[in-house]
Amino acid sequence: ADMAPTGPEPIEDPPPMVVGSWNLKNFSLYGANEFRLEDIADKIEELGADVLAIQEIKVKDGSEGEGTQAWDALIERLDGYEGLVNPYNPLDSVVGLLYDPSVVSVVAWKTLFAGEWWAFPRAPLEATLRLNRDDKQITFKVIVLHLKAFPDSAERRREACEDLDAYLQSGLPQTTIVIGDFNDVPYDTGDDNVFDTSLLNNEPLYDF
């Protein structure tokens, strides 16, 4: 799922870009020996996204994040991509971001909601990016998200969305893409929709 707050004044004639997201599922307790490395790298290059959000980046078993990790080995295998990754957490996965430096430059990046383990057991990553293509340029923010899974964590997802909504409305620029693994959908009916107190039915500020 992805959600893009567009603001009241869309940018006119932006350059084309492809933004995607992939949960790599336990990537990886095996570090650089992860058996999926080659296939994952091949698929990422085949997708050809300008920006690709990644979820479930884990540390090698027995490490705290030091040494060569699966993420490092993936970046090394990829032809034409660089990456950002949140500080490793041996107790849980973290999120990261891949980008094509031939068209995308990183203006700044940071970890959001660090230490807020209840709403954000996997802290989001925020990056300010600038994309140049076809003599056109756009500067925008990407927030990589991975919310807590399963029905019994619905209230944690709801709180995360409310916190994120407050943050987004506190002064971010009009073009912000929130992308990743929401572990939920915005189409639930009744009181079970975790987005209904924050991000849902709030157009034109947000668009799912």
N, C-alpha and C. Protein backbone atom coordinates (compact mmCIF):
# COMPACT_ATOMS: atom_id res chain seq x y z
N ALA A 1 0.85 -1.18 0.00
CA ALA A 1 0.00 0.00 0.00
C ALA A 1 0.88 1.23 0.00
N ASP A 2 0.41 2.30 -0.64
CA ASP A 2 1.14 3.55 -0.55
C ASP A 2 0.14 4.69 -0.43
N MET A 3 0.58 5.77 0.16
CA MET A 3 -0.29 6.90 0.43
C MET A 3 0.52 8.15 0.20
N ALA A 4 0.00 9.06 -0.64
CA ALA A 4 0.77 10.23 -1.02
C ALA A 4 0.00 11.50 -0.69
N PRO A 5 0.43 12.22 0.37
CA PRO A 5 -0.16 13.54 0.59
C PRO A 5 0.28 14.47 -0.54
N THR A 6 -0.68 15.00 -1.30
CA THR A 6 -0.34 15.77 -2.48
C THR A 6 -0.41 17.26 -2.25
N GLY A 7 -1.15 17.72 -1.24
CA GLY A 7 -1.28 19.15 -1.01
C GLY A 7 -2.24 19.78 -1.98
N PRO A 8 -2.61 21.03 -1.75
CA PRO A 8 -3.63 21.69 -2.57
C PRO A 8 -3.12 22.15 -3.93
N GLU A 9 -1.80 22.24 -4.12
CA GLU A 9 -1.26 22.76 -5.37
C GLU A 9 -0.28 21.75 -5.97
N PRO A 10 -0.78 20.81 -6.79
CA PRO A 10 0.11 19.81 -7.39
C PRO A 10 1.20 20.47 -8.23
N ILE A 11 2.37 19.87 -8.22
CA ILE A 11 3.47 20.39 -9.02
C ILE A 11 3.15 20.19 -10.50
N GLU A 12 3.32 21.24 -11.27
CA GLU A 12 2.99 21.17 -12.69
C GLU A 12 4.08 20.45 -13.47
N ASP A 13 3.65 19.53 -14.32
CA ASP A 13 4.53 18.87 -15.27
C ASP A 13 5.80 18.29 -14.62
N PRO A 14 5.65 17.42 -13.61
CA PRO A 14 6.84 16.82 -12.99
C PRO A 14 7.46 15.79 -13.91
N PRO A 15 8.73 15.47 -13.70
CA PRO A 15 9.34 14.41 -14.51
C PRO A 15 8.73 13.06 -14.16
N PRO A 16 8.69 12.14 -15.11
CA PRO A 16 8.18 10.80 -14.80
C PRO A 16 9.12 10.09 -13.83
N MET A 17 8.55 9.30 -12.92
CA MET A 17 9.38 8.50 -12.02
C MET A 17 8.61 7.27 -11.60
N VAL A 18 9.38 6.23 -11.23
CA VAL A 18 8.80 4.98 -10.76
C VAL A 18 9.25 4.76 -9.32
N VAL A 19 8.27 4.66 -8.42
CA VAL A 19 8.53 4.43 -7.00
C VAL A 19 7.87 3.12 -6.61
N GLY A 20 8.59 2.25 -5.91
CA GLY A 20 8.04 0.95 -5.54
C GLY A 20 8.39 0.57 -4.12
N SER A 21 7.89 -0.59 -3.71
CA SER A 21 8.10 -1.09 -2.34
C SER A 21 8.18 -2.60 -2.36
N TRP A 22 9.04 -3.16 -1.49
CA TRP A 22 9.21 -4.61 -1.44
C TRP A 22 9.58 -5.02 -0.01
N ASN A 23 8.76 -5.88 0.57
CA ASN A 23 9.08 -6.52 1.85
C ASN A 23 9.87 -7.79 1.54
N LEU A 24 11.15 -7.80 1.92
CA LEU A 24 12.04 -8.91 1.55
C LEU A 24 11.96 -10.10 2.49
N LYS A 25 11.19 -9.98 3.57
CA LYS A 25 10.91 -11.11 4.47
C LYS A 25 12.19 -11.71 5.08
N ASN A 26 12.53 -11.24 6.26
CA ASN A 26 13.68 -11.79 7.01
C ASN A 26 14.99 -11.72 6.22
N PHE A 27 15.37 -10.53 5.83
CA PHE A 27 16.56 -10.35 5.00
C PHE A 27 17.67 -9.67 5.80
N SER A 28 18.63 -10.41 6.44
CA SER A 28 18.66 -11.85 6.48
C SER A 28 19.57 -12.31 7.61
N LEU A 29 19.12 -13.35 8.28
CA LEU A 29 19.91 -13.96 9.34
C LEU A 29 21.19 -14.59 8.81
N TYR A 30 21.25 -14.80 7.50
CA TYR A 30 22.43 -15.45 6.89
C TYR A 30 23.45 -14.44 6.37
N GLY A 31 23.17 -13.16 6.53
CA GLY A 31 24.13 -12.15 6.09
C GLY A 31 24.44 -12.27 4.61
N ALA A 32 25.71 -12.14 4.27
CA ALA A 32 26.13 -12.19 2.87
C ALA A 32 25.95 -13.58 2.26
N ASN A 33 25.64 -14.58 3.08
CA ASN A 33 25.40 -15.94 2.57
C ASN A 33 23.92 -16.18 2.27
N GLU A 34 23.10 -15.15 2.37
CA GLU A 34 21.68 -15.28 2.05
C GLU A 34 21.50 -15.85 0.64
N PHE A 35 20.75 -16.96 0.55
CA PHE A 35 20.67 -17.69 -0.72
C PHE A 35 19.85 -16.96 -1.77
N ARG A 36 19.04 -15.96 -1.36
CA ARG A 36 18.18 -15.24 -2.33
C ARG A 36 18.86 -14.02 -2.94
N LEU A 37 20.08 -13.72 -2.53
CA LEU A 37 20.71 -12.46 -2.92
C LEU A 37 20.70 -12.23 -4.43
N GLU A 38 21.15 -13.22 -5.18
CA GLU A 38 21.26 -13.04 -6.62
C GLU A 38 19.90 -12.83 -7.26
N ASP A 39 18.90 -13.62 -6.84
CA ASP A 39 17.56 -13.49 -7.42
C ASP A 39 16.94 -12.13 -7.07
N ILE A 40 17.13 -11.68 -5.83
CA ILE A 40 16.57 -10.39 -5.42
C ILE A 40 17.22 -9.26 -6.21
N ALA A 41 18.55 -9.31 -6.33
CA ALA A 41 19.25 -8.27 -7.08
C ALA A 41 18.79 -8.24 -8.54
N ASP A 42 18.65 -9.42 -9.14
CA ASP A 42 18.20 -9.48 -10.53
C ASP A 42 16.80 -8.88 -10.69
N LYS A 43 15.91 -9.19 -9.75
CA LYS A 43 14.54 -8.69 -9.84
C LYS A 43 14.50 -7.18 -9.65
N ILE A 44 15.30 -6.64 -8.72
CA ILE A 44 15.33 -5.19 -8.51
C ILE A 44 15.81 -4.48 -9.78
N GLU A 45 16.84 -5.03 -10.41
CA GLU A 45 17.33 -4.41 -11.64
C GLU A 45 16.31 -4.54 -12.76
N GLU A 46 15.57 -5.65 -12.77
CA GLU A 46 14.52 -5.83 -13.78
C GLU A 46 13.39 -4.82 -13.57
N LEU A 47 13.03 -4.57 -12.30
CA LEU A 47 11.96 -3.61 -12.01
C LEU A 47 12.35 -2.21 -12.47
N GLY A 48 13.59 -1.84 -12.26
CA GLY A 48 14.09 -0.56 -12.74
C GLY A 48 13.47 0.65 -12.08
N ALA A 49 13.02 0.52 -10.82
CA ALA A 49 12.43 1.67 -10.13
C ALA A 49 13.50 2.74 -9.87
N ASP A 50 13.06 3.99 -9.86
CA ASP A 50 13.96 5.07 -9.48
C ASP A 50 14.20 5.06 -7.97
N VAL A 51 13.15 4.72 -7.23
CA VAL A 51 13.20 4.67 -5.77
C VAL A 51 12.46 3.42 -5.33
N LEU A 52 13.07 2.62 -4.47
CA LEU A 52 12.44 1.37 -4.02
C LEU A 52 12.57 1.27 -2.50
N ALA A 53 11.42 1.32 -1.83
CA ALA A 53 11.39 1.15 -0.37
C ALA A 53 11.51 -0.33 -0.03
N ILE A 54 12.28 -0.63 1.01
CA ILE A 54 12.53 -2.02 1.40
C ILE A 54 12.17 -2.20 2.87
N GLN A 55 11.47 -3.31 3.16
CA GLN A 55 11.14 -3.65 4.54
C GLN A 55 11.74 -5.01 4.93
N GLU A 56 11.84 -5.21 6.24
CA GLU A 56 12.35 -6.44 6.87
C GLU A 56 13.84 -6.67 6.59
N ILE A 57 14.62 -5.63 6.80
CA ILE A 57 16.08 -5.76 6.75
C ILE A 57 16.55 -6.18 8.15
N LYS A 58 17.21 -7.32 8.24
CA LYS A 58 17.62 -7.86 9.54
C LYS A 58 19.13 -8.02 9.60
N VAL A 59 19.61 -8.17 10.83
CA VAL A 59 21.04 -8.38 11.02
C VAL A 59 21.35 -9.87 10.93
N LYS A 60 22.59 -10.16 10.57
CA LYS A 60 23.07 -11.53 10.55
C LYS A 60 22.98 -12.13 11.94
N ASP A 61 22.59 -13.38 12.01
CA ASP A 61 22.46 -14.07 13.29
C ASP A 61 23.77 -13.99 14.08
N GLY A 62 23.67 -13.57 15.32
CA GLY A 62 24.85 -13.48 16.18
C GLY A 62 25.57 -12.15 16.11
N SER A 63 25.05 -11.21 15.29
CA SER A 63 25.70 -9.91 15.17
C SER A 63 24.77 -8.82 15.70
N GLU A 64 25.34 -7.65 15.88
CA GLU A 64 24.57 -6.48 16.30
C GLU A 64 24.44 -5.48 15.14
N GLY A 65 24.86 -5.90 13.95
CA GLY A 65 24.82 -5.02 12.79
C GLY A 65 26.20 -4.70 12.24
N GLU A 66 27.24 -5.21 12.93
CA GLU A 66 28.60 -4.96 12.46
C GLU A 66 28.95 -5.92 11.32
N GLY A 67 30.03 -5.61 10.63
CA GLY A 67 30.49 -6.48 9.55
C GLY A 67 29.59 -6.38 8.33
N THR A 68 29.82 -7.27 7.37
CA THR A 68 29.04 -7.27 6.14
C THR A 68 27.69 -7.94 6.38
N GLN A 69 26.64 -7.18 6.17
CA GLN A 69 25.29 -7.68 6.34
C GLN A 69 24.68 -8.00 4.97
N ALA A 70 23.53 -8.64 4.96
CA ALA A 70 22.85 -8.96 3.70
C ALA A 70 22.57 -7.69 2.90
N TRP A 71 22.22 -6.62 3.59
CA TRP A 71 21.96 -5.35 2.91
C TRP A 71 23.21 -4.86 2.18
N ASP A 72 24.36 -4.94 2.84
CA ASP A 72 25.61 -4.53 2.21
C ASP A 72 25.90 -5.38 0.97
N ALA A 73 25.68 -6.70 1.10
CA ALA A 73 25.93 -7.60 -0.02
C ALA A 73 24.98 -7.31 -1.18
N LEU A 74 23.74 -6.93 -0.87
CA LEU A 74 22.78 -6.60 -1.92
C LEU A 74 23.22 -5.34 -2.67
N ILE A 75 23.60 -4.29 -1.93
CA ILE A 75 24.06 -3.05 -2.56
C ILE A 75 25.25 -3.33 -3.47
N GLU A 76 26.16 -4.19 -3.00
CA GLU A 76 27.36 -4.50 -3.79
C GLU A 76 27.00 -5.22 -5.09
N ARG A 77 25.96 -6.06 -5.04
CA ARG A 77 25.56 -6.82 -6.23
C ARG A 77 24.79 -5.97 -7.24
N LEU A 78 24.10 -4.94 -6.73
CA LEU A 78 23.24 -4.14 -7.61
C LEU A 78 24.08 -3.24 -8.50
N ASP A 79 23.76 -3.24 -9.77
CA ASP A 79 24.43 -2.36 -10.72
C ASP A 79 23.58 -1.12 -10.90
N GLY A 80 24.03 -0.01 -10.35
CA GLY A 80 23.32 1.23 -10.56
C GLY A 80 22.39 1.64 -9.45
N TYR A 81 22.56 1.10 -8.24
CA TYR A 81 21.75 1.51 -7.10
C TYR A 81 22.62 1.79 -5.89
N GLU A 82 22.19 2.78 -5.12
CA GLU A 82 22.76 3.03 -3.81
C GLU A 82 21.64 2.92 -2.79
N GLY A 83 22.01 2.90 -1.50
CA GLY A 83 20.98 2.64 -0.50
C GLY A 83 21.17 3.38 0.80
N LEU A 84 20.05 3.53 1.51
CA LEU A 84 20.02 4.05 2.87
C LEU A 84 19.34 2.99 3.74
N VAL A 85 19.81 2.84 4.98
CA VAL A 85 19.17 1.90 5.90
C VAL A 85 19.17 2.50 7.29
N ASN A 86 18.06 2.32 8.00
CA ASN A 86 17.97 2.79 9.37
C ASN A 86 18.95 2.03 10.26
N PRO A 87 19.31 2.59 11.42
CA PRO A 87 20.20 1.84 12.34
C PRO A 87 19.63 0.46 12.64
N TYR A 88 20.51 -0.54 12.60
CA TYR A 88 20.07 -1.92 12.82
C TYR A 88 19.52 -2.11 14.23
N ASN A 89 18.56 -3.01 14.32
CA ASN A 89 17.96 -3.39 15.59
C ASN A 89 17.99 -4.91 15.69
N PRO A 90 18.85 -5.47 16.54
CA PRO A 90 18.94 -6.94 16.63
C PRO A 90 17.63 -7.60 17.07
N LEU A 91 16.70 -6.82 17.64
CA LEU A 91 15.45 -7.39 18.15
C LEU A 91 14.34 -7.37 17.11
N ASP A 92 14.53 -6.65 16.02
CA ASP A 92 13.48 -6.54 15.01
C ASP A 92 14.12 -6.14 13.68
N SER A 93 13.32 -6.10 12.65
CA SER A 93 13.81 -5.65 11.35
C SER A 93 13.79 -4.13 11.28
N VAL A 94 14.44 -3.59 10.26
CA VAL A 94 14.41 -2.15 10.00
C VAL A 94 14.06 -1.94 8.53
N VAL A 95 13.87 -0.67 8.16
CA VAL A 95 13.52 -0.35 6.78
C VAL A 95 14.69 0.35 6.10
N GLY A 96 14.67 0.32 4.77
CA GLY A 96 15.72 0.96 3.99
C GLY A 96 15.15 1.50 2.69
N LEU A 97 16.03 2.07 1.89
CA LEU A 97 15.63 2.69 0.64
C LEU A 97 16.73 2.51 -0.39
N LEU A 98 16.36 2.05 -1.57
CA LEU A 98 17.27 1.98 -2.71
C LEU A 98 16.91 3.09 -3.70
N TYR A 99 17.92 3.65 -4.35
CA TYR A 99 17.66 4.70 -5.32
C TYR A 99 18.71 4.65 -6.43
N ASP A 100 18.31 5.13 -7.60
CA ASP A 100 19.18 5.17 -8.77
C ASP A 100 19.91 6.51 -8.78
N PRO A 101 21.21 6.55 -8.45
CA PRO A 101 21.91 7.83 -8.34
C PRO A 101 22.12 8.55 -9.67
N SER A 102 21.82 7.88 -10.78
CA SER A 102 21.96 8.57 -12.07
C SER A 102 20.85 9.60 -12.27
N VAL A 103 19.74 9.44 -11.52
CA VAL A 103 18.64 10.41 -11.64
C VAL A 103 18.19 10.95 -10.27
N VAL A 104 18.54 10.26 -9.19
CA VAL A 104 18.08 10.63 -7.86
C VAL A 104 19.27 11.00 -6.98
N SER A 105 19.17 12.13 -6.30
CA SER A 105 20.16 12.52 -5.31
C SER A 105 19.48 12.66 -3.96
N VAL A 106 20.22 12.34 -2.89
CA VAL A 106 19.69 12.42 -1.53
C VAL A 106 20.07 13.78 -0.95
N VAL A 107 19.07 14.57 -0.64
CA VAL A 107 19.30 15.88 -0.03
C VAL A 107 19.55 15.73 1.46
N ALA A 108 18.74 14.89 2.12
CA ALA A 108 18.87 14.64 3.55
C ALA A 108 18.06 13.40 3.89
N TRP A 109 18.37 12.79 5.03
CA TRP A 109 17.53 11.67 5.48
C TRP A 109 17.69 11.50 6.98
N LYS A 110 16.68 10.88 7.60
CA LYS A 110 16.71 10.68 9.05
C LYS A 110 15.74 9.57 9.43
N THR A 111 15.90 9.09 10.66
CA THR A 111 14.98 8.12 11.25
C THR A 111 13.88 8.86 11.98
N LEU A 112 12.63 8.41 11.82
CA LEU A 112 11.49 9.01 12.50
C LEU A 112 11.03 8.14 13.67
N PHE A 113 10.50 8.79 14.70
CA PHE A 113 9.85 8.10 15.82
C PHE A 113 10.74 7.05 16.48
N ALA A 114 12.04 7.32 16.52
CA ALA A 114 12.97 6.38 17.14
C ALA A 114 12.61 6.19 18.61
N GLY A 115 12.55 4.95 19.05
CA GLY A 115 12.26 4.65 20.44
C GLY A 115 10.79 4.53 20.77
N GLU A 116 9.91 4.88 19.84
CA GLU A 116 8.47 4.75 20.08
C GLU A 116 8.03 3.34 19.68
N TRP A 117 8.41 2.37 20.49
CA TRP A 117 8.31 0.96 20.12
C TRP A 117 6.87 0.48 20.01
N TRP A 118 5.93 1.12 20.73
CA TRP A 118 4.55 0.63 20.70
C TRP A 118 3.91 0.89 19.32
N ALA A 119 3.95 2.12 18.88
CA ALA A 119 3.35 2.46 17.59
C ALA A 119 4.27 2.11 16.42
N PHE A 120 5.57 2.24 16.65
CA PHE A 120 6.54 2.03 15.56
C PHE A 120 7.65 1.07 15.99
N PRO A 121 7.34 -0.24 16.06
CA PRO A 121 8.42 -1.18 16.40
C PRO A 121 9.52 -1.20 15.35
N ARG A 122 9.18 -0.83 14.11
CA ARG A 122 10.17 -0.60 13.05
C ARG A 122 10.09 0.88 12.69
N ALA A 123 11.07 1.65 13.12
CA ALA A 123 11.03 3.10 12.92
C ALA A 123 10.99 3.43 11.43
N PRO A 124 10.17 4.40 11.03
CA PRO A 124 10.17 4.83 9.62
C PRO A 124 11.47 5.56 9.26
N LEU A 125 11.75 5.58 7.96
CA LEU A 125 12.88 6.31 7.41
C LEU A 125 12.33 7.41 6.52
N GLU A 126 12.80 8.64 6.73
CA GLU A 126 12.38 9.76 5.88
C GLU A 126 13.57 10.25 5.07
N ALA A 127 13.38 10.38 3.77
CA ALA A 127 14.44 10.88 2.89
C ALA A 127 13.89 12.00 2.02
N THR A 128 14.65 13.08 1.93
CA THR A 128 14.36 14.14 0.97
C THR A 128 15.18 13.86 -0.28
N LEU A 129 14.50 13.70 -1.39
CA LEU A 129 15.15 13.28 -2.64
C LEU A 129 14.91 14.32 -3.73
N ARG A 130 15.86 14.40 -4.65
CA ARG A 130 15.72 15.26 -5.83
C ARG A 130 15.90 14.40 -7.07
N LEU A 131 14.91 14.43 -7.95
CA LEU A 131 14.95 13.63 -9.17
C LEU A 131 15.06 14.55 -10.37
N ASN A 132 16.04 14.26 -11.23
CA ASN A 132 16.24 15.01 -12.47
C ASN A 132 16.09 14.05 -13.65
N ARG A 133 15.21 14.43 -14.60
CA ARG A 133 15.03 13.61 -15.80
C ARG A 133 14.40 14.48 -16.88
N ASP A 134 14.86 14.31 -18.10
CA ASP A 134 14.28 15.02 -19.25
C ASP A 134 14.25 16.53 -19.03
N ASP A 135 15.32 17.05 -18.44
CA ASP A 135 15.41 18.49 -18.17
C ASP A 135 14.31 18.99 -17.24
N LYS A 136 13.77 18.07 -16.44
CA LYS A 136 12.77 18.43 -15.42
C LYS A 136 13.29 17.96 -14.06
N GLN A 137 12.86 18.67 -13.02
CA GLN A 137 13.34 18.34 -11.68
C GLN A 137 12.19 18.42 -10.69
N ILE A 138 12.22 17.51 -9.70
CA ILE A 138 11.27 17.56 -8.60
C ILE A 138 12.00 17.18 -7.31
N THR A 139 11.73 17.91 -6.25
CA THR A 139 12.22 17.57 -4.92
C THR A 139 11.03 17.10 -4.09
N PHE A 140 11.17 15.95 -3.44
CA PHE A 140 10.05 15.37 -2.71
C PHE A 140 10.59 14.56 -1.54
N LYS A 141 9.71 14.21 -0.64
CA LYS A 141 10.07 13.37 0.49
C LYS A 141 9.44 11.98 0.32
N VAL A 142 10.17 10.98 0.79
CA VAL A 142 9.66 9.61 0.88
C VAL A 142 9.78 9.17 2.33
N ILE A 143 8.71 8.62 2.87
CA ILE A 143 8.73 8.02 4.20
C ILE A 143 8.47 6.53 4.03
N VAL A 144 9.45 5.71 4.42
CA VAL A 144 9.35 4.25 4.32
C VAL A 144 8.77 3.73 5.62
N LEU A 145 7.68 2.97 5.51
CA LEU A 145 6.89 2.56 6.67
C LEU A 145 6.76 1.04 6.72
N HIS A 146 6.80 0.48 7.93
CA HIS A 146 6.47 -0.92 8.13
C HIS A 146 5.73 -1.04 9.46
N LEU A 147 4.41 -1.07 9.38
CA LEU A 147 3.59 -1.11 10.59
C LEU A 147 3.48 -2.52 11.14
N LYS A 148 3.14 -2.60 12.42
CA LYS A 148 3.01 -3.89 13.12
C LYS A 148 1.89 -4.71 12.50
N ALA A 149 2.13 -6.00 12.36
CA ALA A 149 1.19 -6.89 11.67
C ALA A 149 0.18 -7.53 12.63
N PHE A 150 -0.80 -8.19 12.04
CA PHE A 150 -1.78 -9.08 12.69
C PHE A 150 -2.93 -8.29 13.36
N PRO A 151 -4.11 -8.91 13.42
CA PRO A 151 -5.30 -8.24 13.97
C PRO A 151 -5.12 -7.71 15.39
N ASP A 152 -4.38 -8.43 16.22
CA ASP A 152 -4.26 -7.98 17.62
C ASP A 152 -3.37 -6.74 17.77
N SER A 153 -2.77 -6.28 16.68
CA SER A 153 -1.97 -5.06 16.72
C SER A 153 -2.64 -3.89 16.00
N ALA A 154 -3.95 -4.01 15.78
CA ALA A 154 -4.66 -2.96 15.05
C ALA A 154 -4.54 -1.61 15.74
N GLU A 155 -4.64 -1.59 17.06
CA GLU A 155 -4.56 -0.31 17.76
C GLU A 155 -3.17 0.30 17.68
N ARG A 156 -2.16 -0.54 17.56
CA ARG A 156 -0.81 -0.02 17.36
C ARG A 156 -0.69 0.64 15.98
N ARG A 157 -1.31 0.04 14.97
CA ARG A 157 -1.31 0.65 13.64
C ARG A 157 -2.11 1.95 13.64
N ARG A 158 -3.23 1.95 14.35
CA ARG A 158 -4.04 3.17 14.41
C ARG A 158 -3.25 4.30 15.06
N GLU A 159 -2.59 4.02 16.18
CA GLU A 159 -1.80 5.05 16.85
C GLU A 159 -0.66 5.53 15.96
N ALA A 160 -0.03 4.60 15.24
CA ALA A 160 1.05 4.98 14.32
C ALA A 160 0.53 5.93 13.25
N CYS A 161 -0.63 5.64 12.68
CA CYS A 161 -1.19 6.50 11.64
C CYS A 161 -1.57 7.86 12.19
N GLU A 162 -2.08 7.91 13.41
CA GLU A 162 -2.42 9.20 14.02
C GLU A 162 -1.16 10.02 14.28
N ASP A 163 -0.10 9.36 14.75
CA ASP A 163 1.17 10.06 14.97
C ASP A 163 1.75 10.55 13.64
N LEU A 164 1.66 9.70 12.63
CA LEU A 164 2.19 10.07 11.32
C LEU A 164 1.39 11.22 10.71
N ASP A 165 0.07 11.18 10.87
CA ASP A 165 -0.79 12.26 10.38
C ASP A 165 -0.40 13.59 11.02
N ALA A 166 -0.19 13.59 12.34
CA ALA A 166 0.20 14.81 13.04
C ALA A 166 1.55 15.31 12.52
N TYR A 167 2.46 14.40 12.28
CA TYR A 167 3.78 14.78 11.78
C TYR A 167 3.69 15.36 10.36
N LEU A 168 2.91 14.72 9.51
CA LEU A 168 2.77 15.17 8.13
C LEU A 168 2.13 16.56 8.07
N GLN A 169 1.21 16.82 8.97
CA GLN A 169 0.51 18.10 8.96
C GLN A 169 1.28 19.20 9.69
N SER A 170 2.44 18.87 10.24
CA SER A 170 3.19 19.85 11.01
C SER A 170 4.09 20.71 10.15
N GLY A 171 4.04 20.49 8.82
CA GLY A 171 4.80 21.40 7.98
C GLY A 171 5.64 20.76 6.91
N LEU A 172 5.41 19.47 6.57
CA LEU A 172 6.15 18.87 5.47
C LEU A 172 5.71 19.48 4.15
N PRO A 173 6.58 19.44 3.13
CA PRO A 173 6.20 20.00 1.82
C PRO A 173 5.06 19.20 1.21
N GLN A 174 4.47 19.79 0.15
CA GLN A 174 3.25 19.21 -0.40
C GLN A 174 3.47 17.84 -1.02
N THR A 175 4.67 17.54 -1.49
CA THR A 175 4.89 16.27 -2.17
C THR A 175 5.64 15.31 -1.26
N THR A 176 4.88 14.46 -0.59
CA THR A 176 5.45 13.44 0.29
C THR A 176 4.77 12.11 -0.03
N ILE A 177 5.58 11.09 -0.26
CA ILE A 177 5.06 9.75 -0.55
C ILE A 177 5.35 8.87 0.66
N VAL A 178 4.30 8.33 1.26
CA VAL A 178 4.45 7.37 2.34
C VAL A 178 4.23 5.99 1.73
N ILE A 179 5.26 5.17 1.79
CA ILE A 179 5.20 3.91 1.06
C ILE A 179 5.83 2.80 1.90
N GLY A 180 5.30 1.60 1.76
CA GLY A 180 5.87 0.48 2.50
C GLY A 180 4.83 -0.58 2.79
N ASP A 181 4.98 -1.24 3.93
CA ASP A 181 4.10 -2.32 4.34
C ASP A 181 3.23 -1.81 5.47
N PHE A 182 1.99 -1.44 5.13
CA PHE A 182 1.05 -0.92 6.12
C PHE A 182 0.41 -2.05 6.93
N ASN A 183 0.51 -3.29 6.45
CA ASN A 183 -0.12 -4.44 7.10
C ASN A 183 -1.62 -4.21 7.34
N ASP A 184 -2.23 -3.45 6.45
CA ASP A 184 -3.66 -3.16 6.55
C ASP A 184 -4.10 -2.54 5.23
N VAL A 185 -5.41 -2.39 5.06
CA VAL A 185 -5.93 -1.79 3.84
C VAL A 185 -6.91 -0.68 4.21
N PRO A 186 -7.04 0.35 3.35
CA PRO A 186 -7.93 1.46 3.68
C PRO A 186 -9.38 1.23 3.33
N TYR A 187 -9.75 -0.02 2.96
CA TYR A 187 -11.09 -0.27 2.47
C TYR A 187 -11.94 -1.06 3.46
N ASP A 188 -11.44 -1.27 4.68
CA ASP A 188 -12.26 -1.94 5.69
C ASP A 188 -13.47 -1.08 6.05
N THR A 189 -14.57 -1.73 6.34
CA THR A 189 -15.77 -1.00 6.76
C THR A 189 -15.95 -1.13 8.27
N GLY A 190 -16.76 -0.25 8.85
CA GLY A 190 -17.01 -0.31 10.29
C GLY A 190 -15.88 0.31 11.09
N ASP A 191 -15.78 -0.13 12.34
CA ASP A 191 -14.82 0.46 13.28
C ASP A 191 -13.44 -0.17 13.19
N ASP A 192 -13.25 -1.11 12.28
CA ASP A 192 -11.98 -1.83 12.21
C ASP A 192 -10.94 -1.14 11.33
N ASN A 193 -11.32 -0.04 10.70
CA ASN A 193 -10.39 0.64 9.79
C ASN A 193 -9.43 1.50 10.61
N VAL A 194 -8.15 1.13 10.58
CA VAL A 194 -7.17 1.82 11.42
C VAL A 194 -6.81 3.20 10.89
N PHE A 195 -7.25 3.52 9.67
CA PHE A 195 -6.92 4.81 9.06
C PHE A 195 -8.02 5.86 9.25
N ASP A 196 -9.19 5.45 9.81
CA ASP A 196 -10.35 6.35 9.77
C ASP A 196 -10.25 7.52 10.74
N THR A 197 -9.31 7.48 11.68
CA THR A 197 -9.16 8.60 12.60
C THR A 197 -7.99 9.51 12.21
N SER A 198 -7.42 9.25 11.04
CA SER A 198 -6.23 10.04 10.68
C SER A 198 -6.14 10.31 9.18
N LEU A 199 -5.77 9.32 8.41
CA LEU A 199 -5.38 9.53 7.02
C LEU A 199 -6.52 9.38 6.03
N LEU A 200 -7.58 8.70 6.42
CA LEU A 200 -8.66 8.38 5.48
C LEU A 200 -9.65 9.53 5.40
N ASN A 201 -10.29 9.66 4.23
CA ASN A 201 -11.32 10.66 4.00
C ASN A 201 -10.83 12.07 4.33
N ASN A 202 -9.57 12.32 3.95
CA ASN A 202 -8.95 13.59 4.27
C ASN A 202 -8.39 14.23 3.00
N GLU A 203 -9.09 14.03 1.90
CA GLU A 203 -8.65 14.62 0.64
C GLU A 203 -8.95 16.13 0.66
N PRO A 204 -8.16 16.98 -0.01
CA PRO A 204 -7.07 16.59 -0.91
C PRO A 204 -5.72 16.46 -0.23
N LEU A 205 -5.71 16.50 1.11
CA LEU A 205 -4.41 16.42 1.79
C LEU A 205 -3.73 15.09 1.53
N TYR A 206 -4.51 14.00 1.59
CA TYR A 206 -3.95 12.66 1.34
C TYR A 206 -4.71 11.98 0.20
N ASP A 207 -3.98 11.15 -0.49
CA ASP A 207 -4.59 10.36 -1.55
C ASP A 207 -4.03 8.95 -1.45
N PHE A 208 -4.91 7.95 -1.26
CA PHE A 208 -4.46 6.57 -1.23
C PHE A 208 -4.40 6.03 -2.65
